[in-house]
Amino acid sequence: MVQEFICPNCGSTESNDEQYISKDAPDPKDTNPWSSVLQIITCQTCHRKIPAHLGERWDNRSIEDAKKEWIEQFKYYKKK
């Protein structure tokens, strides 16, 4: 179930843009969490690119769970 957008970074409910990305299947050894993200929503307030599954809290995910995943896996990810 898709819910209204809430940015897990700043809490805004306003979005600028939604991108649908086409790419090859991710390599199972790839540790980059972004490699399997196919939909990205840009927050109008903080301008961060948010994976749609977090911003729209797919599968009845709570905002707390979305924030936790955002911080632990996506927000500070740096390619090694």
PDB file of N, CA and C in Angstrom:
ATOM      1  N   MET A   1       0.839  -1.183   0.000  1.00  0.00           N
ATOM      2  CA  MET A   1       0.000   0.000   0.000  1.00  0.00           C
ATOM      3  C   MET A   1       0.885   1.248   0.000  1.00  0.00           C
ATOM      4  N   VAL A   2       0.591   2.163  -0.883  1.00  0.00           N
ATOM      5  CA  VAL A   2       1.341   3.416  -0.987  1.00  0.00           C
ATOM      6  C   VAL A   2       0.620   4.491  -0.187  1.00  0.00           C
ATOM      7  N   GLN A   3       1.393   5.255   0.583  1.00  0.00           N
ATOM      8  CA  GLN A   3       0.830   6.340   1.378  1.00  0.00           C
ATOM      9  C   GLN A   3       1.351   7.668   0.835  1.00  0.00           C
ATOM     10  N   GLU A   4       0.793   8.757   1.313  1.00  0.00           N
ATOM     11  CA  GLU A   4       1.241  10.087   0.893  1.00  0.00           C
ATOM     12  C   GLU A   4       2.707  10.282   1.267  1.00  0.00           C
ATOM     13  N   PHE A   5       3.416  11.056   0.457  1.00  0.00           N
ATOM     14  CA  PHE A   5       4.836  11.304   0.682  1.00  0.00           C
ATOM     15  C   PHE A   5       5.077  12.052   1.987  1.00  0.00           C
ATOM     16  N   ILE A   6       6.008  11.528   2.782  1.00  0.00           N
ATOM     17  CA  ILE A   6       6.572  12.228   3.941  1.00  0.00           C
ATOM     18  C   ILE A   6       8.076  12.000   3.862  1.00  0.00           C
ATOM     19  N   CYS A   7       8.829  13.072   3.799  1.00  0.00           N
ATOM     20  CA  CYS A   7      10.276  12.958   3.687  1.00  0.00           C
ATOM     21  C   CYS A   7      10.859  12.403   4.992  1.00  0.00           C
ATOM     22  N   PRO A   8      11.580  11.276   4.930  1.00  0.00           N
ATOM     23  CA  PRO A   8      12.181  10.736   6.149  1.00  0.00           C
ATOM     24  C   PRO A   8      13.388  11.550   6.619  1.00  0.00           C
ATOM     25  N   ASN A   9      13.836  12.491   5.804  1.00  0.00           N
ATOM     26  CA  ASN A   9      14.961  13.341   6.175  1.00  0.00           C
ATOM     27  C   ASN A   9      14.506  14.568   6.964  1.00  0.00           C
ATOM     28  N   CYS A  10      13.439  15.253   6.485  1.00  0.00           N
ATOM     29  CA  CYS A  10      13.033  16.515   7.131  1.00  0.00           C
ATOM     30  C   CYS A  10      11.573  16.549   7.579  1.00  0.00           C
ATOM     31  N   GLY A  11      10.764  15.561   7.175  1.00  0.00           N
ATOM     32  CA  GLY A  11       9.363  15.522   7.579  1.00  0.00           C
ATOM     33  C   GLY A  11       8.404  16.259   6.663  1.00  0.00           C
ATOM     34  N   SER A  12       8.905  16.876   5.607  1.00  0.00           N
ATOM     35  CA  SER A  12       8.049  17.606   4.670  1.00  0.00           C
ATOM     36  C   SER A  12       7.103  16.654   3.937  1.00  0.00           C
ATOM     37  N   THR A  13       5.945  17.173   3.552  1.00  0.00           N
ATOM     38  CA  THR A  13       4.997  16.386   2.753  1.00  0.00           C
ATOM     39  C   THR A  13       4.961  16.866   1.306  1.00  0.00           C
ATOM     40  N   GLU A  14       5.869  17.774   0.949  1.00  0.00           N
ATOM     41  CA  GLU A  14       5.908  18.333  -0.403  1.00  0.00           C
ATOM     42  C   GLU A  14       7.051  17.712  -1.203  1.00  0.00           C
ATOM     43  N   SER A  15       6.735  17.285  -2.413  1.00  0.00           N
ATOM     44  CA  SER A  15       7.777  16.733  -3.283  1.00  0.00           C
ATOM     45  C   SER A  15       7.824  17.525  -4.582  1.00  0.00           C
ATOM     46  N   ASN A  16       8.991  17.566  -5.195  1.00  0.00           N
ATOM     47  CA  ASN A  16       9.190  18.277  -6.457  1.00  0.00           C
ATOM     48  C   ASN A  16       9.010  17.366  -7.645  1.00  0.00           C
ATOM     49  N   ASP A  17       9.593  16.204  -7.562  1.00  0.00           N
ATOM     50  CA  ASP A  17       9.825  15.406  -8.744  1.00  0.00           C
ATOM     51  C   ASP A  17       9.833  13.933  -8.368  1.00  0.00           C
ATOM     52  N   GLU A  18       9.354  13.092  -9.268  1.00  0.00           N
ATOM     53  CA  GLU A  18       9.478  11.652  -9.078  1.00  0.00           C
ATOM     54  C   GLU A  18      10.152  11.090 -10.313  1.00  0.00           C
ATOM     55  N   GLN A  19      11.213  10.338 -10.092  1.00  0.00           N
ATOM     56  CA  GLN A  19      11.974   9.755 -11.191  1.00  0.00           C
ATOM     57  C   GLN A  19      11.797   8.244 -11.188  1.00  0.00           C
ATOM     58  N   TYR A  20      11.629   7.698 -12.379  1.00  0.00           N
ATOM     59  CA  TYR A  20      11.586   6.251 -12.566  1.00  0.00           C
ATOM     60  C   TYR A  20      12.862   5.885 -13.304  1.00  0.00           C
ATOM     61  N   ILE A  21      13.627   4.993 -12.729  1.00  0.00           N
ATOM     62  CA  ILE A  21      14.945   4.682 -13.247  1.00  0.00           C
ATOM     63  C   ILE A  21      14.963   3.279 -13.834  1.00  0.00           C
ATOM     64  N   SER A  22      15.571   3.167 -14.983  1.00  0.00           N
ATOM     65  CA  SER A  22      15.733   1.878 -15.637  1.00  0.00           C
ATOM     66  C   SER A  22      17.204   1.506 -15.571  1.00  0.00           C
ATOM     67  N   LYS A  23      17.493   0.343 -15.023  1.00  0.00           N
ATOM     68  CA  LYS A  23      18.879  -0.098 -14.964  1.00  0.00           C
ATOM     69  C   LYS A  23      18.947  -1.615 -14.958  1.00  0.00           C
ATOM     70  N   ASP A  24      20.133  -2.122 -15.170  1.00  0.00           N
ATOM     71  CA  ASP A  24      20.342  -3.564 -15.150  1.00  0.00           C
ATOM     72  C   ASP A  24      20.079  -4.105 -13.750  1.00  0.00           C
ATOM     73  N   ALA A  25      19.827  -5.391 -13.671  1.00  0.00           N
ATOM     74  CA  ALA A  25      19.636  -6.035 -12.368  1.00  0.00           C
ATOM     75  C   ALA A  25      20.890  -5.828 -11.524  1.00  0.00           C
ATOM     76  N   PRO A  26      20.715  -5.561 -10.219  1.00  0.00           N
ATOM     77  CA  PRO A  26      21.886  -5.314  -9.375  1.00  0.00           C
ATOM     78  C   PRO A  26      22.736  -6.569  -9.205  1.00  0.00           C
ATOM     79  N   ASP A  27      24.013  -6.356  -9.061  1.00  0.00           N
ATOM     80  CA  ASP A  27      24.956  -7.433  -8.769  1.00  0.00           C
ATOM     81  C   ASP A  27      24.714  -7.870  -7.324  1.00  0.00           C
ATOM     82  N   PRO A  28      24.523  -9.163  -7.062  1.00  0.00           N
ATOM     83  CA  PRO A  28      24.269  -9.621  -5.687  1.00  0.00           C
ATOM     84  C   PRO A  28      25.377  -9.237  -4.704  1.00  0.00           C
ATOM     85  N   LYS A  29      26.585  -9.009  -5.196  1.00  0.00           N
ATOM     86  CA  LYS A  29      27.703  -8.638  -4.316  1.00  0.00           C
ATOM     87  C   LYS A  29      27.760  -7.134  -4.052  1.00  0.00           C
ATOM     88  N   ASP A  30      26.940  -6.370  -4.737  1.00  0.00           N
ATOM     89  CA  ASP A  30      26.942  -4.909  -4.592  1.00  0.00           C
ATOM     90  C   ASP A  30      26.307  -4.525  -3.263  1.00  0.00           C
ATOM     91  N   THR A  31      27.024  -3.789  -2.436  1.00  0.00           N
ATOM     92  CA  THR A  31      26.507  -3.377  -1.126  1.00  0.00           C
ATOM     93  C   THR A  31      25.861  -1.994  -1.150  1.00  0.00           C
ATOM     94  N   ASN A  32      25.829  -1.363  -2.315  1.00  0.00           N
ATOM     95  CA  ASN A  32      25.225  -0.041  -2.450  1.00  0.00           C
ATOM     96  C   ASN A  32      23.705  -0.171  -2.353  1.00  0.00           C
ATOM     97  N   PRO A  33      23.068   0.413  -1.309  1.00  0.00           N
ATOM     98  CA  PRO A  33      21.615   0.284  -1.175  1.00  0.00           C
ATOM     99  C   PRO A  33      20.856   0.949  -2.321  1.00  0.00           C
ATOM    100  N   TRP A  34      21.472   1.935  -2.983  1.00  0.00           N
ATOM    101  CA  TRP A  34      20.829   2.641  -4.086  1.00  0.00           C
ATOM    102  C   TRP A  34      20.759   1.800  -5.353  1.00  0.00           C
ATOM    103  N   SER A  35      21.532   0.722  -5.443  1.00  0.00           N
ATOM    104  CA  SER A  35      21.604  -0.057  -6.680  1.00  0.00           C
ATOM    105  C   SER A  35      20.288  -0.732  -7.048  1.00  0.00           C
ATOM    106  N   SER A  36      19.417  -0.959  -6.082  1.00  0.00           N
ATOM    107  CA  SER A  36      18.134  -1.601  -6.384  1.00  0.00           C
ATOM    108  C   SER A  36      16.960  -0.622  -6.362  1.00  0.00           C
ATOM    109  N   VAL A  37      17.225   0.669  -6.150  1.00  0.00           N
ATOM    110  CA  VAL A  37      16.163   1.678  -6.104  1.00  0.00           C
ATOM    111  C   VAL A  37      15.791   2.086  -7.530  1.00  0.00           C
ATOM    112  N   LEU A  38      14.515   1.925  -7.874  1.00  0.00           N
ATOM    113  CA  LEU A  38      14.054   2.248  -9.220  1.00  0.00           C
ATOM    114  C   LEU A  38      13.129   3.458  -9.263  1.00  0.00           C
ATOM    115  N   GLN A  39      12.692   3.942  -8.090  1.00  0.00           N
ATOM    116  CA  GLN A  39      11.848   5.136  -8.022  1.00  0.00           C
ATOM    117  C   GLN A  39      12.417   6.057  -6.955  1.00  0.00           C
ATOM    118  N   ILE A  40      12.624   7.321  -7.337  1.00  0.00           N
ATOM    119  CA  ILE A  40      13.204   8.309  -6.426  1.00  0.00           C
ATOM    120  C   ILE A  40      12.326   9.555  -6.430  1.00  0.00           C
ATOM    121  N   ILE A  41      12.039  10.057  -5.237  1.00  0.00           N
ATOM    122  CA  ILE A  41      11.244  11.277  -5.079  1.00  0.00           C
ATOM    123  C   ILE A  41      12.160  12.355  -4.498  1.00  0.00           C
ATOM    124  N   THR A  42      12.134  13.548  -5.084  1.00  0.00           N
ATOM    125  CA  THR A  42      12.928  14.664  -4.576  1.00  0.00           C
ATOM    126  C   THR A  42      12.062  15.499  -3.645  1.00  0.00           C
ATOM    127  N   CYS A  43      12.543  15.704  -2.420  1.00  0.00           N
ATOM    128  CA  CYS A  43      11.820  16.504  -1.432  1.00  0.00           C
ATOM    129  C   CYS A  43      11.924  17.981  -1.804  1.00  0.00           C
ATOM    130  N   GLN A  44      10.802  18.672  -1.795  1.00  0.00           N
ATOM    131  CA  GLN A  44      10.774  20.094  -2.140  1.00  0.00           C
ATOM    132  C   GLN A  44      11.465  20.943  -1.078  1.00  0.00           C
ATOM    133  N   THR A  45      11.445  20.514   0.169  1.00  0.00           N
ATOM    134  CA  THR A  45      11.995  21.311   1.261  1.00  0.00           C
ATOM    135  C   THR A  45      13.503  21.134   1.431  1.00  0.00           C
ATOM    136  N   CYS A  46      13.964  19.888   1.590  1.00  0.00           N
ATOM    137  CA  CYS A  46      15.397  19.665   1.846  1.00  0.00           C
ATOM    138  C   CYS A  46      16.176  19.293   0.583  1.00  0.00           C
ATOM    139  N   HIS A  47      15.453  19.066  -0.519  1.00  0.00           N
ATOM    140  CA  HIS A  47      16.052  18.761  -1.825  1.00  0.00           C
ATOM    141  C   HIS A  47      16.811  17.439  -1.865  1.00  0.00           C
ATOM    142  N   ARG A  48      16.592  16.569  -0.883  1.00  0.00           N
ATOM    143  CA  ARG A  48      17.234  15.253  -0.898  1.00  0.00           C
ATOM    144  C   ARG A  48      16.462  14.332  -1.824  1.00  0.00           C
ATOM    145  N   LYS A  49      17.173  13.423  -2.439  1.00  0.00           N
ATOM    146  CA  LYS A  49      16.555  12.388  -3.264  1.00  0.00           C
ATOM    147  C   LYS A  49      16.240  11.218  -2.341  1.00  0.00           C
ATOM    148  N   ILE A  50      14.961  10.855  -2.274  1.00  0.00           N
ATOM    149  CA  ILE A  50      14.474   9.852  -1.335  1.00  0.00           C
ATOM    150  C   ILE A  50      13.966   8.634  -2.109  1.00  0.00           C
ATOM    151  N   PRO A  51      14.387   7.427  -1.735  1.00  0.00           N
ATOM    152  CA  PRO A  51      13.802   6.244  -2.369  1.00  0.00           C
ATOM    153  C   PRO A  51      12.287   6.240  -2.129  1.00  0.00           C
ATOM    154  N   ALA A  52      11.521   6.002  -3.179  1.00  0.00           N
ATOM    155  CA  ALA A  52      10.060   6.073  -3.076  1.00  0.00           C
ATOM    156  C   ALA A  52       9.505   5.117  -2.029  1.00  0.00           C
ATOM    157  N   HIS A  53      10.135   3.952  -1.854  1.00  0.00           N
ATOM    158  CA  HIS A  53       9.607   2.996  -0.877  1.00  0.00           C
ATOM    159  C   HIS A  53       9.686   3.535   0.550  1.00  0.00           C
ATOM    160  N   LEU A  54      10.574   4.504   0.787  1.00  0.00           N
ATOM    161  CA  LEU A  54      10.658   5.133   2.108  1.00  0.00           C
ATOM    162  C   LEU A  54       9.764   6.361   2.196  1.00  0.00           C
ATOM    163  N   GLY A  55       9.807   7.211   1.181  1.00  0.00           N
ATOM    164  CA  GLY A  55       9.003   8.434   1.187  1.00  0.00           C
ATOM    165  C   GLY A  55       7.505   8.166   1.197  1.00  0.00           C
ATOM    166  N   GLU A  56       7.094   7.082   0.522  1.00  0.00           N
ATOM    167  CA  GLU A  56       5.668   6.722   0.473  1.00  0.00           C
ATOM    168  C   GLU A  56       5.335   5.586   1.435  1.00  0.00           C
ATOM    169  N   ARG A  57       6.335   5.108   2.154  1.00  0.00           N
ATOM    170  CA  ARG A  57       6.175   4.074   3.180  1.00  0.00           C
ATOM    171  C   ARG A  57       5.394   2.865   2.672  1.00  0.00           C
ATOM    172  N   TRP A  58       5.960   2.226   1.642  1.00  0.00           N
ATOM    173  CA  TRP A  58       5.325   1.052   1.046  1.00  0.00           C
ATOM    174  C   TRP A  58       5.170  -0.056   2.077  1.00  0.00           C
ATOM    175  N   ASP A  59       4.225  -0.946   1.844  1.00  0.00           N
ATOM    176  CA  ASP A  59       3.966  -2.122   2.699  1.00  0.00           C
ATOM    177  C   ASP A  59       3.646  -1.729   4.137  1.00  0.00           C
ATOM    178  N   ASN A  60       2.896  -0.643   4.301  1.00  0.00           N
ATOM    179  CA  ASN A  60       2.450  -0.169   5.621  1.00  0.00           C
ATOM    180  C   ASN A  60       3.595   0.133   6.581  1.00  0.00           C
ATOM    181  N   ARG A  61       4.726   0.525   6.052  1.00  0.00           N
ATOM    182  CA  ARG A  61       5.887   0.887   6.867  1.00  0.00           C
ATOM    183  C   ARG A  61       5.551   2.158   7.657  1.00  0.00           C
ATOM    184  N   SER A  62       5.991   2.235   8.901  1.00  0.00           N
ATOM    185  CA  SER A  62       5.769   3.444   9.700  1.00  0.00           C
ATOM    186  C   SER A  62       6.805   4.502   9.320  1.00  0.00           C
ATOM    187  N   ILE A  63       6.502   5.756   9.631  1.00  0.00           N
ATOM    188  CA  ILE A  63       7.459   6.829   9.354  1.00  0.00           C
ATOM    189  C   ILE A  63       8.730   6.613  10.178  1.00  0.00           C
ATOM    190  N   GLU A  64       8.598   6.062  11.381  1.00  0.00           N
ATOM    191  CA  GLU A  64       9.768   5.786  12.215  1.00  0.00           C
ATOM    192  C   GLU A  64      10.682   4.762  11.548  1.00  0.00           C
ATOM    193  N   ASP A  65      10.092   3.694  10.991  1.00  0.00           N
ATOM    194  CA  ASP A  65      10.885   2.676  10.289  1.00  0.00           C
ATOM    195  C   ASP A  65      11.538   3.263   9.037  1.00  0.00           C
ATOM    196  N   ALA A  66      10.798   4.113   8.319  1.00  0.00           N
ATOM    197  CA  ALA A  66      11.348   4.743   7.114  1.00  0.00           C
ATOM    198  C   ALA A  66      12.525   5.648   7.475  1.00  0.00           C
ATOM    199  N   LYS A  67      12.396   6.424   8.554  1.00  0.00           N
ATOM    200  CA  LYS A  67      13.487   7.301   8.994  1.00  0.00           C
ATOM    201  C   LYS A  67      14.713   6.484   9.381  1.00  0.00           C
ATOM    202  N   LYS A  68      14.480   5.394  10.097  1.00  0.00           N
ATOM    203  CA  LYS A  68      15.585   4.538  10.537  1.00  0.00           C
ATOM    204  C   LYS A  68      16.333   3.970   9.337  1.00  0.00           C
ATOM    205  N   GLU A  69      15.600   3.419   8.374  1.00  0.00           N
ATOM    206  CA  GLU A  69      16.246   2.865   7.185  1.00  0.00           C
ATOM    207  C   GLU A  69      16.956   3.961   6.389  1.00  0.00           C
ATOM    208  N   TRP A  70      16.336   5.128   6.274  1.00  0.00           N
ATOM    209  CA  TRP A  70      16.944   6.256   5.560  1.00  0.00           C
ATOM    210  C   TRP A  70      18.306   6.598   6.171  1.00  0.00           C
ATOM    211  N   ILE A  71      18.341   6.745   7.485  1.00  0.00           N
ATOM    212  CA  ILE A  71      19.579   7.128   8.169  1.00  0.00           C
ATOM    213  C   ILE A  71      20.620   6.015   8.109  1.00  0.00           C
ATOM    214  N   GLU A  72      20.206   4.784   8.393  1.00  0.00           N
ATOM    215  CA  GLU A  72      21.159   3.679   8.470  1.00  0.00           C
ATOM    216  C   GLU A  72      21.692   3.229   7.112  1.00  0.00           C
ATOM    217  N   GLN A  73      20.883   3.326   6.059  1.00  0.00           N
ATOM    218  CA  GLN A  73      21.308   2.764   4.783  1.00  0.00           C
ATOM    219  C   GLN A  73      21.542   3.776   3.669  1.00  0.00           C
ATOM    220  N   PHE A  74      20.788   4.852   3.633  1.00  0.00           N
ATOM    221  CA  PHE A  74      20.824   5.721   2.457  1.00  0.00           C
ATOM    222  C   PHE A  74      21.450   7.096   2.677  1.00  0.00           C
ATOM    223  N   LYS A  75      21.096   7.770   3.756  1.00  0.00           N
ATOM    224  CA  LYS A  75      21.471   9.175   3.935  1.00  0.00           C
ATOM    225  C   LYS A  75      22.975   9.417   3.848  1.00  0.00           C
ATOM    226  N   TYR A  76      23.747   8.598   4.499  1.00  0.00           N
ATOM    227  CA  TYR A  76      25.189   8.825   4.569  1.00  0.00           C
ATOM    228  C   TYR A  76      25.987   7.865   3.698  1.00  0.00           C
ATOM    229  N   TYR A  77      25.322   7.156   2.794  1.00  0.00           N
ATOM    230  CA  TYR A  77      26.042   6.180   1.969  1.00  0.00           C
ATOM    231  C   TYR A  77      27.062   6.878   1.076  1.00  0.00           C
ATOM    232  N   LYS A  78      28.269   6.408   1.139  1.00  0.00           N
ATOM    233  CA  LYS A  78      29.345   6.904   0.270  1.00  0.00           C
ATOM    234  C   LYS A  78      29.915   5.710  -0.474  1.00  0.00           C
ATOM    235  N   LYS A  79      30.031   5.844  -1.767  1.00  0.00           N
ATOM    236  CA  LYS A  79      30.594   4.767  -2.579  1.00  0.00           C
ATOM    237  C   LYS A  79      32.051   4.560  -2.189  1.00  0.00           C
ATOM    238  N   LYS A  80      32.419   3.302  -1.981  1.00  0.00           N
ATOM    239  CA  LYS A  80      33.788   2.995  -1.542  1.00  0.00           C
ATOM    240  C   LYS A  80      34.670   2.657  -2.703  1.00  0.00           C
TER     241      LYS A  80
END
